[in-house]
């Protein structure tokens, strides 16, 4: 099955093609520091941390204490985990399988 996003456009396709061309973590830092504001990058990294913590069945209180995110952010991430496009879950599973920790 091929996923068809409602957000798919040629412009978004070009961005994702560029992201897929990144070779390593240094490339990621260089590209995303240029592409995103500091706030955007921090917000994305916080949401990723929330994904991991929700996957570990952590409480909202624990997540807020550790990340400083709002309950609205946690709720949004949780909604995506259960009703979204499975992007968080697919990547979380992939990262878990390749993690040496």
N, C-alpha and C. Protein backbone atom coordinates (compact mmCIF):
# COMPACT_ATOMS: atom_id res chain seq x y z
N UNK A 1 0.84 -1.18 0.00
CA UNK A 1 0.00 0.00 0.00
C UNK A 1 0.89 1.25 0.00
N UNK A 2 0.58 2.19 -0.84
CA UNK A 2 1.32 3.44 -0.90
C UNK A 2 0.51 4.52 -0.19
N UNK A 3 1.16 5.18 0.75
CA UNK A 3 0.50 6.24 1.52
C UNK A 3 0.40 7.49 0.67
N UNK A 4 -0.75 8.10 0.64
CA UNK A 4 -0.97 9.34 -0.09
C UNK A 4 -1.38 10.42 0.90
N UNK A 5 -0.48 11.36 1.16
CA UNK A 5 -0.74 12.43 2.12
C UNK A 5 -1.62 13.51 1.51
N UNK A 6 -2.45 14.08 2.34
CA UNK A 6 -3.26 15.23 1.92
C UNK A 6 -2.39 16.47 1.74
N UNK A 7 -1.20 16.43 2.30
CA UNK A 7 -0.28 17.56 2.22
C UNK A 7 0.70 17.46 1.06
N UNK A 8 0.61 16.38 0.29
CA UNK A 8 1.60 16.15 -0.75
C UNK A 8 1.45 17.15 -1.89
N UNK A 9 2.57 17.80 -2.17
CA UNK A 9 2.68 18.73 -3.30
C UNK A 9 4.07 18.55 -3.88
N UNK A 10 4.30 19.02 -5.09
CA UNK A 10 5.66 18.94 -5.64
C UNK A 10 6.70 19.64 -4.76
N UNK A 11 6.31 20.74 -4.13
CA UNK A 11 7.25 21.47 -3.27
C UNK A 11 7.62 20.65 -2.04
N UNK A 12 6.63 20.02 -1.40
CA UNK A 12 6.90 19.17 -0.24
C UNK A 12 7.71 17.95 -0.68
N UNK A 13 7.39 17.39 -1.84
CA UNK A 13 8.17 16.27 -2.37
C UNK A 13 9.65 16.65 -2.50
N UNK A 14 9.92 17.85 -3.00
CA UNK A 14 11.31 18.31 -3.15
C UNK A 14 12.01 18.42 -1.80
N UNK A 15 11.30 18.94 -0.80
CA UNK A 15 11.88 19.04 0.54
C UNK A 15 12.22 17.67 1.08
N UNK A 16 11.30 16.73 0.99
CA UNK A 16 11.54 15.38 1.51
C UNK A 16 12.65 14.68 0.73
N UNK A 17 12.73 14.92 -0.55
CA UNK A 17 13.82 14.35 -1.34
C UNK A 17 15.17 14.87 -0.82
N UNK A 18 15.22 16.17 -0.50
CA UNK A 18 16.44 16.74 0.06
C UNK A 18 16.77 16.12 1.41
N UNK A 19 15.77 15.94 2.26
CA UNK A 19 15.99 15.34 3.58
C UNK A 19 16.52 13.91 3.43
N UNK A 20 15.97 13.17 2.50
CA UNK A 20 16.42 11.79 2.28
C UNK A 20 17.86 11.74 1.76
N UNK A 21 18.36 12.84 1.24
CA UNK A 21 19.74 12.88 0.74
C UNK A 21 20.76 13.19 1.83
N UNK A 22 20.31 13.49 3.04
CA UNK A 22 21.23 13.76 4.14
C UNK A 22 22.01 12.49 4.46
N UNK A 23 23.32 12.64 4.69
CA UNK A 23 24.17 11.47 4.91
C UNK A 23 24.35 11.09 6.36
N UNK A 24 24.42 12.08 7.24
CA UNK A 24 24.78 11.78 8.62
C UNK A 24 24.24 12.87 9.55
N UNK A 25 24.55 12.73 10.83
CA UNK A 25 24.04 13.67 11.82
C UNK A 25 24.57 15.09 11.57
N UNK A 26 25.80 15.22 11.13
CA UNK A 26 26.34 16.55 10.83
C UNK A 26 25.54 17.21 9.72
N UNK A 27 25.23 16.44 8.66
CA UNK A 27 24.39 16.97 7.58
C UNK A 27 23.04 17.42 8.13
N UNK A 28 22.47 16.64 9.03
CA UNK A 28 21.18 16.99 9.62
C UNK A 28 21.27 18.30 10.39
N UNK A 29 22.28 18.43 11.23
CA UNK A 29 22.44 19.67 11.98
C UNK A 29 22.59 20.86 11.04
N UNK A 30 23.45 20.74 10.06
CA UNK A 30 23.69 21.86 9.14
C UNK A 30 22.42 22.24 8.37
N UNK A 31 21.72 21.23 7.85
CA UNK A 31 20.53 21.49 7.06
C UNK A 31 19.40 22.06 7.92
N UNK A 32 19.10 21.41 9.03
CA UNK A 32 17.97 21.85 9.84
C UNK A 32 18.24 23.17 10.56
N UNK A 33 19.50 23.47 10.89
CA UNK A 33 19.80 24.78 11.46
C UNK A 33 19.55 25.88 10.45
N UNK A 34 19.80 25.59 9.19
CA UNK A 34 19.53 26.58 8.14
C UNK A 34 18.03 26.65 7.81
N UNK A 35 17.36 25.52 7.82
CA UNK A 35 15.95 25.44 7.42
C UNK A 35 15.00 25.98 8.48
N UNK A 36 15.27 25.66 9.74
CA UNK A 36 14.34 25.95 10.83
C UNK A 36 14.85 27.06 11.73
N UNK A 37 13.91 27.69 12.42
CA UNK A 37 14.31 28.59 13.49
C UNK A 37 14.74 27.74 14.69
N UNK A 38 15.43 28.35 15.61
CA UNK A 38 15.83 27.63 16.82
C UNK A 38 14.60 27.09 17.53
N UNK A 39 13.56 27.91 17.63
CA UNK A 39 12.32 27.49 18.29
C UNK A 39 11.65 26.31 17.60
N UNK A 40 11.64 26.32 16.26
CA UNK A 40 11.04 25.20 15.52
C UNK A 40 11.80 23.90 15.77
N UNK A 41 13.11 23.98 15.73
CA UNK A 41 13.93 22.79 15.94
C UNK A 41 13.77 22.26 17.36
N UNK A 42 13.74 23.16 18.35
CA UNK A 42 13.52 22.73 19.72
C UNK A 42 12.14 22.11 19.90
N UNK A 43 11.13 22.70 19.27
CA UNK A 43 9.76 22.17 19.38
C UNK A 43 9.68 20.77 18.77
N UNK A 44 10.31 20.58 17.62
CA UNK A 44 10.29 19.24 17.00
C UNK A 44 11.01 18.22 17.86
N UNK A 45 12.13 18.61 18.44
CA UNK A 45 12.87 17.66 19.29
C UNK A 45 12.08 17.34 20.56
N UNK A 46 11.38 18.33 21.10
CA UNK A 46 10.54 18.07 22.27
C UNK A 46 9.40 17.11 21.92
N UNK A 47 8.77 17.31 20.76
CA UNK A 47 7.69 16.41 20.37
C UNK A 47 8.21 14.99 20.19
N UNK A 48 9.41 14.85 19.64
CA UNK A 48 9.98 13.50 19.48
C UNK A 48 10.21 12.86 20.85
N UNK A 49 10.67 13.65 21.82
CA UNK A 49 10.86 13.14 23.17
C UNK A 49 9.52 12.70 23.77
N UNK A 50 8.47 13.46 23.51
CA UNK A 50 7.14 13.10 23.99
C UNK A 50 6.70 11.78 23.37
N UNK A 51 6.97 11.57 22.10
CA UNK A 51 6.64 10.29 21.45
C UNK A 51 7.30 9.15 22.21
N UNK A 52 8.59 9.29 22.47
CA UNK A 52 9.31 8.23 23.17
C UNK A 52 8.75 8.00 24.57
N UNK A 53 8.43 9.07 25.29
CA UNK A 53 7.93 8.94 26.65
C UNK A 53 6.52 8.35 26.68
N UNK A 54 5.67 8.74 25.74
CA UNK A 54 4.34 8.14 25.67
C UNK A 54 4.43 6.65 25.34
N UNK A 55 5.39 6.29 24.49
CA UNK A 55 5.60 4.88 24.15
C UNK A 55 6.04 4.06 25.36
N UNK A 56 6.66 4.75 26.32
CA UNK A 56 7.09 4.10 27.56
C UNK A 56 6.00 4.16 28.63
N UNK A 57 4.81 4.62 28.25
CA UNK A 57 3.66 4.72 29.17
C UNK A 57 3.91 5.72 30.30
N UNK A 58 4.71 6.74 30.05
CA UNK A 58 4.97 7.75 31.07
C UNK A 58 3.75 8.65 31.23
N UNK A 59 3.59 9.21 32.40
CA UNK A 59 2.44 10.07 32.69
C UNK A 59 2.67 11.48 32.14
N UNK A 60 1.57 12.20 31.99
CA UNK A 60 1.67 13.59 31.55
C UNK A 60 2.56 14.38 32.50
N UNK A 61 2.40 14.15 33.80
CA UNK A 61 3.21 14.88 34.79
C UNK A 61 4.70 14.62 34.59
N UNK A 62 5.07 13.37 34.37
CA UNK A 62 6.47 13.03 34.11
C UNK A 62 6.98 13.73 32.85
N UNK A 63 6.16 13.70 31.80
CA UNK A 63 6.57 14.29 30.53
C UNK A 63 6.75 15.80 30.66
N UNK A 64 5.81 16.45 31.34
CA UNK A 64 5.91 17.90 31.55
C UNK A 64 7.16 18.23 32.37
N UNK A 65 7.39 17.47 33.43
CA UNK A 65 8.55 17.73 34.30
C UNK A 65 9.86 17.57 33.55
N UNK A 66 9.94 16.57 32.67
CA UNK A 66 11.19 16.30 31.96
C UNK A 66 11.40 17.17 30.72
N UNK A 67 10.31 17.53 30.05
CA UNK A 67 10.46 18.24 28.77
C UNK A 67 10.05 19.70 28.83
N UNK A 68 9.14 20.02 29.74
CA UNK A 68 8.63 21.39 29.81
C UNK A 68 7.55 21.69 28.79
N UNK A 69 7.08 20.69 28.06
CA UNK A 69 6.02 20.92 27.07
C UNK A 69 4.68 21.08 27.75
N UNK A 70 3.74 21.63 27.03
CA UNK A 70 2.39 21.82 27.57
C UNK A 70 1.57 20.54 27.44
N UNK A 71 0.48 20.50 28.20
CA UNK A 71 -0.43 19.35 28.06
C UNK A 71 -1.03 19.32 26.66
N UNK A 72 -1.20 20.47 26.04
CA UNK A 72 -1.74 20.52 24.67
C UNK A 72 -0.80 19.82 23.69
N UNK A 73 0.50 20.04 23.87
CA UNK A 73 1.48 19.38 23.00
C UNK A 73 1.46 17.87 23.21
N UNK A 74 1.40 17.45 24.47
CA UNK A 74 1.34 16.01 24.76
C UNK A 74 0.09 15.42 24.13
N UNK A 75 -1.04 16.08 24.29
CA UNK A 75 -2.30 15.59 23.73
C UNK A 75 -2.23 15.51 22.21
N UNK A 76 -1.63 16.49 21.58
CA UNK A 76 -1.50 16.50 20.12
C UNK A 76 -0.65 15.33 19.64
N UNK A 77 0.47 15.10 20.33
CA UNK A 77 1.34 13.98 19.97
C UNK A 77 0.61 12.66 20.19
N UNK A 78 -0.08 12.54 21.32
CA UNK A 78 -0.81 11.31 21.62
C UNK A 78 -1.89 11.05 20.57
N UNK A 79 -2.58 12.09 20.15
CA UNK A 79 -3.60 11.95 19.11
C UNK A 79 -2.97 11.44 17.81
N UNK A 80 -1.81 11.97 17.46
CA UNK A 80 -1.12 11.51 16.25
C UNK A 80 -0.68 10.05 16.39
N UNK A 81 -0.25 9.66 17.57
CA UNK A 81 0.15 8.27 17.77
C UNK A 81 -1.01 7.31 17.56
N UNK A 82 -2.22 7.72 17.96
CA UNK A 82 -3.37 6.83 17.85
C UNK A 82 -4.18 7.01 16.57
N UNK A 83 -4.23 8.24 16.05
CA UNK A 83 -5.12 8.51 14.92
C UNK A 83 -4.41 9.18 13.74
N UNK A 84 -3.11 9.30 13.80
CA UNK A 84 -2.38 10.00 12.75
C UNK A 84 -1.99 9.09 11.59
N UNK A 85 -0.97 9.49 10.88
CA UNK A 85 -0.52 8.79 9.68
C UNK A 85 0.49 7.69 9.99
N UNK A 86 0.70 7.39 11.26
CA UNK A 86 1.64 6.37 11.74
C UNK A 86 3.10 6.75 11.54
N UNK A 87 3.37 8.00 11.24
CA UNK A 87 4.75 8.43 11.04
C UNK A 87 5.59 8.33 12.31
N UNK A 88 5.03 8.79 13.42
CA UNK A 88 5.75 8.69 14.69
C UNK A 88 6.04 7.23 15.02
N UNK A 89 5.02 6.40 14.93
CA UNK A 89 5.17 5.01 15.34
C UNK A 89 6.14 4.25 14.45
N UNK A 90 6.05 4.47 13.14
CA UNK A 90 6.96 3.78 12.21
C UNK A 90 8.41 4.13 12.51
N UNK A 91 8.68 5.42 12.74
CA UNK A 91 10.06 5.82 13.00
C UNK A 91 10.51 5.38 14.39
N UNK A 92 9.62 5.46 15.37
CA UNK A 92 9.97 5.01 16.73
C UNK A 92 10.33 3.53 16.72
N UNK A 93 9.55 2.72 16.00
CA UNK A 93 9.85 1.29 15.90
C UNK A 93 11.20 1.06 15.22
N UNK A 94 11.45 1.80 14.16
CA UNK A 94 12.71 1.66 13.42
C UNK A 94 13.90 2.06 14.29
N UNK A 95 13.76 3.16 15.02
CA UNK A 95 14.84 3.62 15.89
C UNK A 95 15.08 2.62 17.02
N UNK A 96 14.00 2.10 17.58
CA UNK A 96 14.12 1.11 18.66
C UNK A 96 14.88 -0.12 18.18
N UNK A 97 14.63 -0.57 16.97
CA UNK A 97 15.29 -1.76 16.43
C UNK A 97 16.78 -1.55 16.18
N UNK A 98 17.16 -0.32 15.87
CA UNK A 98 18.56 -0.05 15.55
C UNK A 98 19.34 0.54 16.73
N UNK A 99 18.66 0.81 17.82
CA UNK A 99 19.32 1.41 18.98
C UNK A 99 20.20 0.42 19.70
N UNK A 100 21.38 0.88 20.09
CA UNK A 100 22.30 0.02 20.84
C UNK A 100 22.14 0.21 22.34
N UNK A 101 21.27 1.12 22.73
CA UNK A 101 21.06 1.40 24.15
C UNK A 101 19.93 0.55 24.69
